[in-house]
Amino acid sequence: MAHDAVKSGLPPAVGRRYPPNQLLRYAGLLLWFSTLLVVALAPLVVKEPLPQWRWVGLWSAELLFGLLYWQDVRHLEAERRGGPLWRLAAMAVLALLATWLGRGGGIGGILLVIVGSLLPWRVRPDIGLVWIVVQSILLGLGLASNPEVNAINIVLFSAIFMALGLFAYIASLVAMRHALAREALRQVNSELRATQALLAENTRIAERVRIARELHDVVGHHLTALSLNLEVAVHLCDGKPLEHVQQAQAIARLLLSDVREVVCELRRSDRVDLAQALAELVEGVPRPKIHLTLPPGIAAVDPSQAQVLLRCAQEIISNTARHARAENLWLTLEEQPAGLQLAARDDGCGAAEPVPGNGMSGMAERVRQVGGKLDIETHPGAGFAVRAWLPKQAVA
């Protein structure tokens, strides 16, 4: 995180607490407050005060604009592109209304610049550019309603605020893409740590199996040969040496039995800790907020099964972050009498019916390969629910 802050030109402490998109959010709020201050001080400096009804309308437009702006920026990260446009349209109308009520383009133009800074989170770049051009033309038309403003000033005002709107739009677009890239990097980093933890478990298992094989093939072989030779020596000796040979034979048999028990124990420990890998996976995901529930004392899982469940969790988290517009994701690992289940549920927008893409299709194929099944449920406004179930014989 500190590295990201340095690369973005911000001090590490500022970069950690206030990402670029959040700084833009507060900058827009400060810009709106400056227009509010201008409206408050205007009666003290203008030569010809506006009629009372215009002042009331101007104040109402300003306050309503600020309320809509705050409501919109609170959901910037959650909605991303494709969120509701009515707030932006209403804010643009209020800005143009302020231009007409105030008989000047300064306040309305600044408010339109704020609208332009929000467009990257709502529309595609081509639509955003057209929006800024159109609202700048409407700003000029609003100025034209004032007979005291000549055509040259109208063109200059429109051109200046169009340039400012484009600047705000591009700055917000860069900030949004920076935030997206940073979140993607966090997610990839958490996936890498989870895969690394699983790989470390698999490496440990492979090493234990190798040691068990060496003990069985080398030490076990030599102990068996030693026991056979001592058996022959028992028949060739008598008296006092026979007692020592029989004692050595008993020790050799006991040692061979101990080696076999160690080999069996090493081979029985071919399970991985899936809970640790899942914890590593969700730790670096900033959005949505993931609520991971793991059963206490969960049994270790077969490596192939653990890899399938980990890949399923990665795909679920990725899909939720990209498409669901969810604030929360509940991820639960459950031990059942018939098997093991990974259940996921989000509070996103949902859909009329699931449309499996490459990721979901690959996840279903992985689950079927190990004898399990994958269920997906969704409804508009009710989010997605995914259950990956693996049979008991594969995890026992």
Protein backbone atom coordinates (compact mmCIF):
# COMPACT_ATOMS: atom_id res chain seq x y z
CA MET A 1 0.00 0.00 0.00
CA ALA A 2 2.81 2.40 0.83
CA HIS A 3 4.45 1.53 -2.47
CA ASP A 4 1.24 2.46 -4.30
CA ALA A 5 1.14 5.77 -2.46
CA VAL A 6 4.72 6.62 -3.47
CA LYS A 7 4.05 5.74 -7.10
CA SER A 8 0.96 7.98 -7.15
CA GLY A 9 2.98 10.95 -5.85
CA LEU A 10 1.31 11.01 -2.42
CA PRO A 11 3.05 10.67 0.96
CA PRO A 12 2.68 7.09 2.26
CA ALA A 13 0.46 8.11 5.20
CA VAL A 14 -1.90 10.05 2.93
CA GLY A 15 -1.95 7.29 0.33
CA ARG A 16 -2.90 4.69 2.92
CA ARG A 17 -5.78 6.70 4.41
CA TYR A 18 -7.09 8.51 1.32
CA PRO A 19 -6.93 6.79 -2.08
CA PRO A 20 -6.93 9.08 -5.15
CA ASN A 21 -10.62 8.53 -5.90
CA GLN A 22 -11.51 9.43 -2.30
CA LEU A 23 -9.39 12.60 -2.50
CA LEU A 24 -11.28 13.59 -5.64
CA ARG A 25 -14.50 13.00 -3.76
CA TYR A 26 -13.57 15.51 -1.05
CA ALA A 27 -12.17 17.93 -3.63
CA GLY A 28 -15.58 17.99 -5.33
CA LEU A 29 -17.23 18.60 -1.97
CA LEU A 30 -14.86 21.50 -1.30
CA LEU A 31 -15.58 22.93 -4.75
CA TRP A 32 -19.33 22.78 -4.11
CA PHE A 33 -18.84 24.48 -0.75
CA SER A 34 -16.97 27.32 -2.50
CA THR A 35 -19.99 27.94 -4.74
CA LEU A 36 -22.20 27.94 -1.67
CA LEU A 37 -19.94 30.55 -0.13
CA VAL A 38 -20.18 32.68 -3.26
CA VAL A 39 -23.98 32.55 -3.12
CA ALA A 40 -23.89 33.53 0.56
CA LEU A 41 -21.61 36.54 -0.03
CA ALA A 42 -23.09 37.65 -3.35
CA PRO A 43 -25.71 40.01 -1.83
CA LEU A 44 -22.88 42.01 -0.26
CA VAL A 45 -21.05 42.72 -3.52
CA VAL A 46 -23.57 42.75 -6.39
CA LYS A 47 -24.80 46.10 -7.61
CA GLU A 48 -28.29 44.95 -8.58
CA PRO A 49 -29.62 42.35 -6.13
CA LEU A 50 -31.70 39.54 -7.51
CA PRO A 51 -35.39 39.23 -6.75
CA GLN A 52 -36.28 37.31 -3.63
CA TRP A 53 -37.68 34.35 -5.51
CA ARG A 54 -34.43 33.98 -7.49
CA TRP A 55 -32.36 33.91 -4.29
CA VAL A 56 -34.62 31.27 -2.77
CA GLY A 57 -34.44 29.18 -5.95
CA LEU A 58 -30.65 29.58 -6.15
CA TRP A 59 -30.18 28.48 -2.54
CA SER A 60 -32.53 25.55 -3.06
CA ALA A 61 -30.69 24.45 -6.19
CA GLU A 62 -27.32 24.71 -4.40
CA LEU A 63 -28.39 22.73 -1.34
CA LEU A 64 -30.17 20.06 -3.36
CA PHE A 65 -27.13 19.74 -5.60
CA GLY A 66 -24.88 19.18 -2.56
CA LEU A 67 -27.26 16.54 -1.16
CA LEU A 68 -27.38 14.65 -4.47
CA TYR A 69 -23.60 14.90 -4.83
CA TRP A 70 -22.99 13.39 -1.39
CA GLN A 71 -25.49 10.62 -2.03
CA ASP A 72 -23.74 9.80 -5.31
CA VAL A 73 -20.14 9.80 -4.08
CA ARG A 74 -21.04 7.54 -1.14
CA HIS A 75 -21.69 4.73 -3.64
CA LEU A 76 -18.91 5.37 -6.17
CA GLU A 77 -16.84 2.30 -5.28
CA ALA A 78 -19.86 0.04 -4.81
CA GLU A 79 -21.64 0.83 -8.06
CA ARG A 80 -18.75 1.44 -10.45
CA ARG A 81 -19.95 1.79 -14.01
CA GLY A 82 -23.56 1.16 -14.76
CA GLY A 83 -24.95 2.82 -11.63
CA PRO A 84 -28.00 5.11 -11.66
CA LEU A 85 -27.70 8.14 -13.93
CA TRP A 86 -30.69 10.02 -12.58
CA ARG A 87 -28.66 11.69 -9.85
CA LEU A 88 -26.11 13.00 -12.33
CA ALA A 89 -28.87 14.18 -14.67
CA ALA A 90 -30.63 15.92 -11.78
CA MET A 91 -27.36 17.56 -10.69
CA ALA A 92 -26.73 18.81 -14.23
CA VAL A 93 -30.27 20.25 -14.39
CA LEU A 94 -29.75 21.96 -11.01
CA ALA A 95 -26.46 23.45 -12.22
CA LEU A 96 -28.15 24.85 -15.34
CA LEU A 97 -31.00 26.12 -13.18
CA ALA A 98 -28.48 27.91 -10.95
CA THR A 99 -27.03 29.51 -14.08
CA TRP A 100 -30.43 30.85 -15.08
CA LEU A 101 -31.46 31.93 -11.57
CA GLY A 102 -28.14 33.65 -10.86
CA ARG A 103 -27.97 35.31 -14.28
CA GLY A 104 -24.34 34.25 -14.56
CA GLY A 105 -22.35 31.19 -15.62
CA GLY A 106 -19.76 30.98 -12.87
CA ILE A 107 -21.67 29.02 -10.25
CA GLY A 108 -23.47 26.75 -12.72
CA GLY A 109 -20.25 26.13 -14.65
CA ILE A 110 -18.41 25.03 -11.50
CA LEU A 111 -21.26 22.71 -10.59
CA LEU A 112 -21.11 21.19 -14.08
CA VAL A 113 -17.37 20.59 -13.57
CA ILE A 114 -18.29 18.58 -10.47
CA VAL A 115 -20.78 16.58 -12.55
CA GLY A 116 -18.03 15.91 -15.10
CA SER A 117 -15.78 14.50 -12.37
CA LEU A 118 -18.43 11.85 -11.56
CA LEU A 119 -19.07 10.70 -15.11
CA PRO A 120 -16.26 8.06 -15.33
CA TRP A 121 -17.99 5.99 -12.64
CA ARG A 122 -21.27 5.98 -14.54
CA VAL A 123 -20.75 5.95 -18.32
CA ARG A 124 -18.27 4.90 -20.97
CA PRO A 125 -15.58 7.43 -22.01
CA ASP A 126 -17.24 8.25 -25.35
CA ILE A 127 -20.59 8.94 -23.68
CA GLY A 128 -18.86 10.97 -20.97
CA LEU A 129 -17.19 13.24 -23.51
CA VAL A 130 -20.46 13.81 -25.35
CA TRP A 131 -22.18 14.55 -22.02
CA ILE A 132 -19.63 17.27 -21.18
CA VAL A 133 -19.96 18.88 -24.61
CA VAL A 134 -23.76 18.89 -24.40
CA GLN A 135 -23.88 20.33 -20.88
CA SER A 136 -21.41 23.05 -21.91
CA ILE A 137 -23.66 23.99 -24.84
CA LEU A 138 -26.68 24.09 -22.50
CA LEU A 139 -24.64 26.29 -20.15
CA GLY A 140 -24.15 28.72 -23.01
CA LEU A 141 -27.87 28.69 -23.77
CA GLY A 142 -28.58 29.42 -20.11
CA LEU A 143 -26.26 32.43 -20.26
CA ALA A 144 -27.97 33.60 -23.44
CA SER A 145 -31.17 34.09 -21.43
CA ASN A 146 -29.45 37.06 -19.76
CA PRO A 147 -29.60 40.03 -22.19
CA GLU A 148 -26.64 41.69 -20.45
CA VAL A 149 -24.23 38.94 -21.56
CA ASN A 150 -22.97 39.28 -25.12
CA ALA A 151 -22.31 36.41 -27.53
CA ILE A 152 -18.50 36.55 -27.13
CA ASN A 153 -18.74 36.10 -23.37
CA ILE A 154 -21.17 33.25 -23.83
CA VAL A 155 -18.77 31.43 -26.16
CA LEU A 156 -15.80 32.09 -23.88
CA PHE A 157 -17.66 30.91 -20.77
CA SER A 158 -18.85 27.76 -22.50
CA ALA A 159 -15.38 26.96 -23.87
CA ILE A 160 -13.64 27.56 -20.54
CA PHE A 161 -16.03 25.41 -18.54
CA MET A 162 -15.96 22.73 -21.23
CA ALA A 163 -12.18 22.58 -20.85
CA LEU A 164 -12.47 22.48 -17.06
CA GLY A 165 -15.11 19.75 -17.31
CA LEU A 166 -12.87 17.69 -19.60
CA PHE A 167 -9.96 18.15 -17.21
CA ALA A 168 -12.05 16.99 -14.23
CA TYR A 169 -13.40 14.09 -16.26
CA ILE A 170 -9.93 12.88 -17.33
CA ALA A 171 -8.53 13.27 -13.80
CA SER A 172 -11.40 11.21 -12.40
CA LEU A 173 -11.02 8.61 -15.14
CA VAL A 174 -7.33 8.21 -14.29
CA ALA A 175 -8.15 7.97 -10.57
CA MET A 176 -10.83 5.36 -11.20
CA ARG A 177 -8.54 3.23 -13.35
CA HIS A 178 -5.79 3.58 -10.75
CA ALA A 179 -8.19 2.38 -8.05
CA LEU A 180 -9.32 -0.54 -10.21
CA ALA A 181 -5.73 -1.52 -10.96
CA ARG A 182 -4.81 -1.33 -7.28
CA GLU A 183 -7.76 -3.50 -6.24
CA ALA A 184 -6.91 -5.99 -8.99
CA LEU A 185 -3.31 -6.07 -7.75
CA ARG A 186 -4.49 -6.69 -4.19
CA GLN A 187 -6.70 -9.52 -5.33
CA VAL A 188 -3.95 -11.12 -7.42
CA ASN A 189 -1.58 -10.76 -4.47
CA SER A 190 -4.02 -12.47 -2.10
CA GLU A 191 -4.58 -15.26 -4.65
CA LEU A 192 -0.82 -15.66 -4.95
CA ARG A 193 -0.44 -15.93 -1.18
CA ALA A 194 -3.25 -18.49 -0.99
CA THR A 195 -1.71 -20.52 -3.81
CA GLN A 196 1.67 -20.24 -2.14
CA ALA A 197 0.24 -21.57 1.12
CA LEU A 198 -1.36 -24.48 -0.73
CA LEU A 199 1.86 -25.14 -2.62
CA ALA A 200 3.80 -25.15 0.65
CA GLU A 201 1.37 -27.72 2.03
CA ASN A 202 1.74 -29.86 -1.10
CA THR A 203 5.53 -29.58 -0.87
CA ARG A 204 5.41 -30.69 2.75
CA ILE A 205 3.24 -33.65 1.80
CA ALA A 206 5.55 -34.61 -1.05
CA GLU A 207 8.55 -34.46 1.29
CA ARG A 208 6.82 -36.63 3.89
CA VAL A 209 5.90 -39.18 1.22
CA ARG A 210 9.49 -39.19 -0.04
CA ILE A 211 10.81 -39.76 3.50
CA ALA A 212 8.27 -42.54 4.06
CA ARG A 213 9.31 -44.19 0.81
CA GLU A 214 13.00 -43.97 1.72
CA LEU A 215 12.39 -45.42 5.17
CA HIS A 216 10.37 -48.27 3.72
CA ASP A 217 12.69 -49.07 0.83
CA VAL A 218 16.10 -48.54 2.47
CA VAL A 219 15.87 -48.84 6.24
CA GLY A 220 13.06 -51.38 6.12
CA HIS A 221 14.94 -53.50 3.59
CA HIS A 222 18.11 -53.55 5.65
CA LEU A 223 16.26 -54.32 8.87
CA THR A 224 14.49 -57.21 7.17
CA ALA A 225 17.83 -58.55 5.96
CA LEU A 226 19.28 -58.14 9.44
CA SER A 227 16.38 -60.06 10.98
CA LEU A 228 16.85 -62.93 8.51
CA ASN A 229 20.57 -63.14 9.24
CA LEU A 230 19.94 -63.12 12.95
CA GLU A 231 17.40 -65.92 12.45
CA VAL A 232 20.12 -67.98 10.81
CA ALA A 233 22.56 -67.08 13.61
CA VAL A 234 20.08 -68.36 16.19
CA HIS A 235 20.34 -71.85 14.68
CA LEU A 236 24.11 -71.72 14.51
CA CYS A 237 24.82 -70.53 18.05
CA ASP A 238 24.31 -72.01 21.46
CA GLY A 239 25.12 -71.16 25.03
CA LYS A 240 25.83 -67.58 26.07
CA PRO A 241 26.21 -66.15 22.50
CA LEU A 242 22.73 -67.48 21.65
CA GLU A 243 21.16 -65.24 24.28
CA HIS A 244 22.78 -62.13 22.78
CA VAL A 245 21.80 -63.15 19.24
CA GLN A 246 18.18 -63.69 20.30
CA GLN A 247 18.16 -60.32 22.06
CA ALA A 248 19.53 -58.64 18.92
CA GLN A 249 16.89 -60.40 16.83
CA ALA A 250 14.13 -59.11 19.11
CA ILE A 251 15.51 -55.55 18.90
CA ALA A 252 15.70 -55.78 15.09
CA ARG A 253 12.08 -56.93 14.88
CA LEU A 254 10.96 -54.15 17.22
CA LEU A 255 12.88 -51.58 15.19
CA LEU A 256 11.35 -52.89 11.95
CA SER A 257 7.88 -52.61 13.49
CA ASP A 258 8.60 -49.00 14.58
CA VAL A 259 9.81 -48.08 11.09
CA ARG A 260 6.63 -49.49 9.57
CA GLU A 261 4.48 -47.47 12.00
CA VAL A 262 6.41 -44.29 11.15
CA VAL A 263 5.95 -44.95 7.43
CA CYS A 264 2.22 -45.49 7.88
CA GLU A 265 1.90 -42.29 9.93
CA LEU A 266 3.77 -40.28 7.32
CA ARG A 267 1.56 -41.59 4.55
CA ARG A 268 -1.58 -40.84 6.53
CA SER A 269 -0.59 -37.14 6.79
CA ASP A 270 -1.23 -36.38 3.11
CA ARG A 271 -3.82 -33.68 3.84
CA VAL A 272 -3.56 -29.89 3.47
CA ASP A 273 -4.87 -27.03 5.60
CA LEU A 274 -7.52 -25.46 3.35
CA ALA A 275 -8.64 -23.06 6.09
CA GLN A 276 -5.27 -21.30 6.09
CA ALA A 277 -5.28 -20.97 2.29
CA LEU A 278 -8.80 -19.46 2.33
CA ALA A 279 -7.79 -17.01 5.05
CA GLU A 280 -4.82 -15.90 2.95
CA LEU A 281 -7.10 -15.52 -0.07
CA VAL A 282 -9.65 -13.18 1.52
CA GLU A 283 -7.16 -11.12 3.53
CA GLY A 284 -6.08 -8.87 0.66
CA VAL A 285 -9.50 -8.23 -0.92
CA PRO A 286 -10.68 -4.68 -0.08
CA ARG A 287 -14.07 -4.86 -1.78
CA PRO A 288 -16.49 -6.46 -1.28
CA LYS A 289 -16.12 -7.05 2.43
CA ILE A 290 -15.69 -10.81 2.82
CA HIS A 291 -17.09 -12.60 5.87
CA LEU A 292 -15.25 -15.93 6.07
CA THR A 293 -16.72 -18.64 8.28
CA LEU A 294 -14.68 -21.77 8.98
CA PRO A 295 -15.83 -24.67 11.16
CA PRO A 296 -13.73 -25.14 14.30
CA GLY A 297 -11.28 -28.01 14.07
CA ILE A 298 -11.95 -28.67 10.40
CA ALA A 299 -10.23 -31.78 9.13
CA ALA A 300 -7.42 -31.39 6.66
CA VAL A 301 -8.43 -31.83 3.03
CA ASP A 302 -7.07 -33.94 0.21
CA PRO A 303 -4.68 -31.82 -1.95
CA SER A 304 -6.68 -32.20 -5.16
CA GLN A 305 -9.91 -31.30 -3.35
CA ALA A 306 -8.26 -28.33 -1.64
CA GLN A 307 -7.08 -26.98 -4.97
CA VAL A 308 -10.57 -27.26 -6.46
CA LEU A 309 -12.20 -25.46 -3.53
CA LEU A 310 -9.53 -22.75 -3.50
CA ARG A 311 -9.99 -22.11 -7.24
CA CYS A 312 -13.76 -21.96 -6.70
CA ALA A 313 -13.32 -19.38 -3.95
CA GLN A 314 -11.04 -17.31 -6.19
CA GLU A 315 -13.55 -17.32 -9.03
CA ILE A 316 -16.44 -16.43 -6.72
CA ILE A 317 -14.55 -13.48 -5.23
CA SER A 318 -13.45 -12.27 -8.67
CA ASN A 319 -16.97 -12.44 -10.12
CA THR A 320 -18.46 -10.68 -7.10
CA ALA A 321 -15.94 -7.84 -7.29
CA ARG A 322 -16.36 -7.35 -11.03
CA HIS A 323 -20.05 -7.86 -11.69
CA ALA A 324 -22.20 -8.12 -8.57
CA ARG A 325 -21.88 -4.54 -7.24
CA ALA A 326 -22.02 -6.10 -3.79
CA GLU A 327 -20.95 -4.59 -0.49
CA ASN A 328 -20.61 -7.93 1.34
CA LEU A 329 -19.73 -11.51 0.44
CA TRP A 330 -20.33 -14.35 2.89
CA LEU A 331 -18.01 -17.31 2.31
CA THR A 332 -18.58 -20.44 4.41
CA LEU A 333 -16.76 -23.77 4.50
CA GLU A 334 -18.99 -26.50 5.92
CA GLU A 335 -18.34 -30.10 6.95
CA GLN A 336 -21.37 -32.26 6.24
CA PRO A 337 -21.99 -35.98 6.87
CA ALA A 338 -21.89 -36.65 3.13
CA GLY A 339 -19.05 -34.35 2.19
CA LEU A 340 -17.56 -30.88 2.24
CA GLN A 341 -19.30 -27.73 0.96
CA LEU A 342 -18.10 -24.25 0.08
CA ALA A 343 -21.06 -21.84 0.16
CA ALA A 344 -20.97 -18.22 -1.00
CA ARG A 345 -23.62 -15.50 -0.93
CA ASP A 346 -23.46 -11.79 -1.77
CA ASP A 347 -25.80 -8.81 -1.40
CA GLY A 348 -25.33 -7.57 -4.96
CA CYS A 349 -27.76 -6.78 -7.75
CA GLY A 350 -28.33 -10.40 -8.82
CA ALA A 351 -29.81 -11.40 -12.18
CA ALA A 352 -32.93 -12.98 -13.63
CA GLU A 353 -30.99 -16.16 -14.37
CA PRO A 354 -27.31 -17.15 -14.13
CA VAL A 355 -25.34 -16.82 -17.36
CA PRO A 356 -22.22 -18.95 -16.90
CA GLY A 357 -19.08 -17.54 -18.47
CA ASN A 358 -15.68 -19.12 -18.85
CA GLY A 359 -14.92 -18.77 -15.16
CA MET A 360 -18.15 -20.37 -13.94
CA SER A 361 -17.94 -23.12 -16.56
CA GLY A 362 -14.37 -23.91 -15.53
CA MET A 363 -15.41 -23.98 -11.88
CA ALA A 364 -18.24 -26.43 -12.63
CA GLU A 365 -15.84 -28.65 -14.59
CA ARG A 366 -13.33 -28.71 -11.73
CA VAL A 367 -16.03 -29.70 -9.26
CA ARG A 368 -17.41 -32.46 -11.50
CA GLN A 369 -13.94 -33.92 -12.05
CA VAL A 370 -13.70 -34.79 -8.35
CA GLY A 371 -17.24 -36.14 -8.18
CA GLY A 372 -18.93 -33.06 -6.77
CA LYS A 373 -21.62 -30.68 -7.94
CA LEU A 374 -22.05 -26.92 -8.30
CA ASP A 375 -25.31 -25.02 -7.68
CA ILE A 376 -25.90 -21.36 -8.58
CA GLU A 377 -28.96 -19.37 -7.51
CA THR A 378 -29.77 -15.74 -8.24
CA HIS A 379 -32.71 -13.36 -8.36
CA PRO A 380 -32.87 -9.67 -9.31
CA GLY A 381 -31.96 -7.62 -6.28
CA ALA A 382 -31.17 -10.72 -4.20
CA GLY A 383 -27.54 -11.32 -5.17
CA PHE A 384 -25.89 -14.62 -6.08
CA ALA A 385 -25.63 -17.82 -4.04
CA VAL A 386 -23.07 -20.46 -5.06
CA ARG A 387 -22.54 -23.88 -3.47
CA ALA A 388 -19.68 -26.20 -4.39
CA TRP A 389 -20.14 -29.64 -2.82
CA LEU A 390 -17.54 -32.44 -2.75
CA PRO A 391 -18.33 -36.04 -1.74
CA LYS A 392 -17.14 -37.47 1.54
CA GLN A 393 -15.12 -40.30 0.04
CA ALA A 394 -12.88 -37.73 -1.59
CA VAL A 395 -12.15 -35.82 1.61
CA ALA A 396 -12.17 -38.53 4.21
